């Protein structure tokens, strides 16, 4: 069952009712999922970007892309110093065209716009904290393996990026975190293309389970690193 408009409204209220980041328990791992649609807003904050194309360009720190509202802000590229890795994850049977630029995300935006409903979702924007205790050498394995297991293995296409920026004194100016733009609509060519997919974090329960899975991934990675494992010797989906 898909998330309803009422549940989206509840999520907004819960977002502002939750304690600020500096008041959360020190060991709490931040994990959020936001819908991408032309209607989504954060009250008293900057609006979430309206299209899947723009959200993907934002996490990839790319100002060269365009969506139907125009070109991306130059500020995207100006923040490229924060990027610690980025890419596109696709199922093994994905067609060649799927890896071409922003094609998947542009198709998703067009499908959402064609509904005539500004609340129609084109994709999901996942934001996940990376514990500062986890070495940067583990970040890519940790993030891409999680996305492969939980989403790409179920047929979703996922754009990902890791952001962090360390100051001269060793303190984090931008704390380590990962972004993932996840398709909410069927993207392969065929009669169902553009329709919502029920297995791609489409329900509140699926989203709860995904957050729990990320926190387990963080705990497991920390333990493996402490035990002396090297990420380069491990399969990506471990």
Protein backbone atom coordinates (compact mmCIF):
# COMPACT_ATOMS: atom_id res chain seq x y z
CA UNK A 1 0.00 0.00 0.00
CA UNK A 2 1.38 3.38 -1.00
CA UNK A 3 1.96 6.25 1.42
CA UNK A 4 -1.07 8.55 1.41
CA UNK A 5 -1.24 12.35 1.44
CA UNK A 6 -2.38 12.17 5.07
CA UNK A 7 0.75 10.20 5.97
CA UNK A 8 2.92 12.77 4.20
CA UNK A 9 1.25 15.49 6.30
CA UNK A 10 1.90 13.45 9.45
CA UNK A 11 5.55 13.07 8.44
CA UNK A 12 5.87 16.84 8.12
CA UNK A 13 4.49 17.34 11.61
CA UNK A 14 6.74 14.64 13.03
CA UNK A 15 9.78 16.22 11.39
CA UNK A 16 9.25 19.48 13.24
CA UNK A 17 8.26 17.75 16.47
CA UNK A 18 11.48 15.73 16.58
CA UNK A 19 14.37 17.16 18.63
CA UNK A 20 17.04 19.20 16.85
CA UNK A 21 20.17 17.30 15.86
CA UNK A 22 22.18 18.80 18.73
CA UNK A 23 19.62 17.51 21.25
CA UNK A 24 19.50 13.91 20.02
CA UNK A 25 21.31 11.19 21.97
CA UNK A 26 24.99 11.06 21.02
CA UNK A 27 24.65 7.54 19.60
CA UNK A 28 21.53 8.23 17.51
CA UNK A 29 22.06 7.70 13.75
CA UNK A 30 20.14 10.29 11.74
CA UNK A 31 18.12 8.85 8.85
CA UNK A 32 15.45 10.66 6.82
CA UNK A 33 13.38 9.94 3.72
CA UNK A 34 11.68 12.83 1.94
CA UNK A 35 9.28 12.60 -0.99
CA UNK A 36 10.21 14.44 -4.17
CA UNK A 37 7.24 16.21 -5.71
CA UNK A 38 6.36 19.69 -6.88
CA UNK A 39 4.14 20.20 -3.81
CA UNK A 40 6.61 19.18 -1.09
CA UNK A 41 7.63 21.98 1.28
CA UNK A 42 9.38 22.29 4.60
CA UNK A 43 7.67 24.98 6.67
CA UNK A 44 10.03 27.83 7.65
CA UNK A 45 12.86 26.20 5.72
CA UNK A 46 14.01 26.23 2.13
CA UNK A 47 11.72 24.08 -0.04
CA UNK A 48 12.92 20.64 -1.02
CA UNK A 49 13.87 20.60 -4.68
CA UNK A 50 10.85 19.86 -6.83
CA UNK A 51 12.19 17.27 -9.27
CA UNK A 52 14.14 14.04 -9.17
CA UNK A 53 16.52 15.55 -11.73
CA UNK A 54 17.31 18.51 -9.49
CA UNK A 55 17.73 16.36 -6.38
CA UNK A 56 20.16 14.10 -8.25
CA UNK A 57 22.13 17.09 -9.56
CA UNK A 58 22.26 18.46 -6.03
CA UNK A 59 23.77 15.33 -4.48
CA UNK A 60 26.15 14.92 -7.43
CA UNK A 61 27.15 18.60 -7.08
CA UNK A 62 26.45 19.18 -10.78
CA UNK A 63 25.30 22.54 -12.11
CA UNK A 64 25.16 21.48 -15.77
CA UNK A 65 21.85 19.60 -15.62
CA UNK A 66 18.44 21.09 -16.38
CA UNK A 67 14.88 20.21 -15.43
CA UNK A 68 11.63 21.73 -16.67
CA UNK A 69 12.11 24.67 -14.30
CA UNK A 70 15.49 25.57 -15.82
CA UNK A 71 19.20 25.07 -15.18
CA UNK A 72 20.64 24.01 -11.84
CA UNK A 73 22.10 26.60 -9.44
CA UNK A 74 25.80 27.36 -9.80
CA UNK A 75 26.06 26.75 -6.05
CA UNK A 76 25.80 23.00 -6.69
CA UNK A 77 29.21 22.90 -8.36
CA UNK A 78 30.67 25.36 -5.87
CA UNK A 79 30.12 22.77 -3.16
CA UNK A 80 31.86 19.96 -5.03
CA UNK A 81 34.67 20.06 -2.47
CA UNK A 82 32.27 18.23 -0.13
CA UNK A 83 31.91 15.25 -2.47
CA UNK A 84 33.64 12.06 -1.33
CA UNK A 85 32.14 9.79 -3.98
CA UNK A 86 29.05 9.54 -6.17
CA UNK A 87 27.48 7.30 -8.77
CA UNK A 88 24.46 5.48 -10.16
CA UNK A 89 23.47 1.96 -9.11
CA UNK A 90 21.36 -0.12 -11.48
CA UNK A 91 20.10 -3.71 -11.51
CA UNK A 92 22.26 -6.14 -13.50
CA UNK A 93 19.61 -6.39 -16.25
CA UNK A 94 19.27 -2.62 -16.74
CA UNK A 95 19.21 -1.44 -20.38
CA UNK A 96 22.16 0.58 -21.65
CA UNK A 97 20.13 3.80 -21.94
CA UNK A 98 19.51 3.78 -18.18
CA UNK A 99 23.10 4.86 -17.53
CA UNK A 100 22.85 7.90 -19.82
CA UNK A 101 23.05 11.11 -17.80
CA UNK A 102 19.79 12.00 -16.06
CA UNK A 103 17.52 9.94 -18.31
CA UNK A 104 15.89 7.88 -15.53
CA UNK A 105 15.20 10.94 -13.39
CA UNK A 106 13.88 13.04 -16.28
CA UNK A 107 11.49 10.21 -17.19
CA UNK A 108 10.31 10.01 -13.57
CA UNK A 109 9.68 13.77 -13.47
CA UNK A 110 7.73 13.61 -16.72
CA UNK A 111 5.59 10.73 -15.42
CA UNK A 112 4.78 12.62 -12.22
CA UNK A 113 3.98 15.83 -14.12
CA UNK A 114 1.72 13.93 -16.53
CA UNK A 115 -0.59 12.98 -13.64
CA UNK A 116 -1.65 16.60 -13.25
CA UNK A 117 -1.27 16.21 -9.48
CA UNK A 118 1.46 18.40 -7.92
CA UNK A 119 1.68 16.00 -4.97
CA UNK A 120 2.55 13.06 -7.25
CA UNK A 121 5.93 11.59 -6.33
CA UNK A 122 8.72 11.16 -8.83
CA UNK A 123 11.31 9.72 -6.41
CA UNK A 124 12.50 9.57 -2.81
CA UNK A 125 15.43 11.45 -1.27
CA UNK A 126 17.18 9.42 1.43
CA UNK A 127 19.64 11.11 3.80
CA UNK A 128 21.72 8.97 6.14
CA UNK A 129 24.29 9.97 8.73
CA UNK A 130 27.63 8.16 8.64
CA UNK A 131 29.07 7.76 12.15
CA UNK A 132 32.26 9.75 12.58
CA UNK A 133 33.82 6.67 14.17
CA UNK A 134 33.73 4.87 10.81
CA UNK A 135 36.90 5.43 8.76
CA UNK A 136 36.48 7.12 5.34
CA UNK A 137 38.04 4.02 3.76
CA UNK A 138 34.84 2.13 4.61
CA UNK A 139 32.30 4.73 3.46
CA UNK A 140 31.83 3.66 -0.15
CA UNK A 141 31.57 -0.05 0.71
CA UNK A 142 29.18 0.74 3.54
CA UNK A 143 26.85 2.94 1.45
CA UNK A 144 26.80 1.15 -1.90
CA UNK A 145 26.50 -2.30 -0.32
CA UNK A 146 23.52 -1.12 1.71
CA UNK A 147 21.80 0.36 -1.34
CA UNK A 148 22.49 -2.72 -3.45
CA UNK A 149 21.03 -5.07 -0.86
CA UNK A 150 18.01 -3.03 0.19
CA UNK A 151 16.94 -1.29 -3.05
CA UNK A 152 18.83 -2.08 -6.25
CA UNK A 153 18.39 -5.81 -5.64
CA UNK A 154 14.63 -5.16 -5.74
CA UNK A 155 14.84 -3.44 -9.11
CA UNK A 156 15.15 0.21 -8.07
CA UNK A 157 17.57 2.65 -9.66
CA UNK A 158 19.54 4.69 -7.14
CA UNK A 159 21.76 7.75 -7.52
CA UNK A 160 24.08 8.05 -4.54
CA UNK A 161 26.64 10.42 -3.10
CA UNK A 162 28.75 10.77 0.03
CA UNK A 163 29.44 14.25 1.41
CA UNK A 164 31.94 15.31 4.06
CA UNK A 165 34.45 18.11 4.53
CA UNK A 166 37.26 18.10 7.07
CA UNK A 167 38.84 21.29 8.38
CA UNK A 168 42.54 21.97 8.84
CA UNK A 169 42.22 21.14 12.53
CA UNK A 170 40.74 17.71 11.79
CA UNK A 171 37.22 18.70 12.83
CA UNK A 172 34.36 18.05 10.42
CA UNK A 173 33.06 21.20 8.72
CA UNK A 174 30.48 19.01 6.98
CA UNK A 175 29.75 15.86 8.96
CA UNK A 176 29.91 12.62 6.94
CA UNK A 177 26.58 11.63 5.43
CA UNK A 178 25.15 9.87 2.41
CA UNK A 179 22.38 10.79 -0.01
CA UNK A 180 20.38 8.47 -2.25
CA UNK A 181 17.77 9.38 -4.83
CA UNK A 182 15.54 6.32 -5.25
CA UNK A 183 13.07 5.74 -8.06
CA UNK A 184 9.45 5.72 -6.91
CA UNK A 185 8.16 4.84 -10.39
CA UNK A 186 8.78 1.96 -12.76
CA UNK A 187 11.52 3.11 -15.07
CA UNK A 188 12.02 0.31 -17.59
CA UNK A 189 10.43 0.55 -21.01
CA UNK A 190 7.06 -1.21 -21.13
CA UNK A 191 3.31 -0.77 -20.52
CA UNK A 192 3.82 -0.11 -16.76
CA UNK A 193 6.58 2.48 -17.17
CA UNK A 194 5.89 5.56 -15.04
CA UNK A 195 3.60 3.79 -12.59
CA UNK A 196 4.33 3.79 -8.86
CA UNK A 197 6.18 0.70 -7.64
CA UNK A 198 4.90 -0.85 -4.37
CA UNK A 199 8.26 -2.27 -3.21
CA UNK A 200 10.51 0.80 -3.43
CA UNK A 201 10.09 2.34 0.05
CA UNK A 202 6.50 3.13 -0.90
CA UNK A 203 4.98 2.61 2.56
CA UNK A 204 5.71 3.91 6.05
CA UNK A 205 6.60 0.41 7.21
CA UNK A 206 9.10 -0.07 4.36
CA UNK A 207 10.69 3.25 5.26
CA UNK A 208 10.90 2.31 8.94
CA UNK A 209 12.59 -0.97 8.04
CA UNK A 210 15.05 0.81 5.75
CA UNK A 211 16.09 3.15 8.55
CA UNK A 212 16.57 0.20 10.91
CA UNK A 213 18.64 -1.59 8.25
CA UNK A 214 20.92 1.45 7.89
CA UNK A 215 21.53 1.60 11.63
CA UNK A 216 22.41 -2.10 11.61
CA UNK A 217 24.78 -1.46 8.70
CA UNK A 218 26.52 1.28 10.69
CA UNK A 219 26.91 -0.98 13.72
CA UNK A 220 28.16 -3.92 11.63
CA UNK A 221 30.67 -1.78 9.74
CA UNK A 222 32.08 -0.38 12.97
CA UNK A 223 32.51 -3.88 14.41
CA UNK A 224 34.15 -5.22 11.24
CA UNK A 225 36.58 -2.32 11.13
CA UNK A 226 37.47 -2.81 14.79
CA UNK A 227 38.05 -6.53 14.14
CA UNK A 228 40.62 -5.70 11.46
CA UNK A 229 38.67 -6.57 8.29
CA UNK A 230 39.62 -4.67 5.15
CA UNK A 231 36.72 -3.41 3.07
CA UNK A 232 38.61 -4.05 -0.21
CA UNK A 233 38.50 -7.81 0.44
CA UNK A 234 34.74 -7.95 1.09
CA UNK A 235 31.88 -8.44 -1.39
CA UNK A 236 29.93 -5.22 -1.96
CA UNK A 237 26.65 -6.62 -0.61
CA UNK A 238 28.04 -8.03 2.66
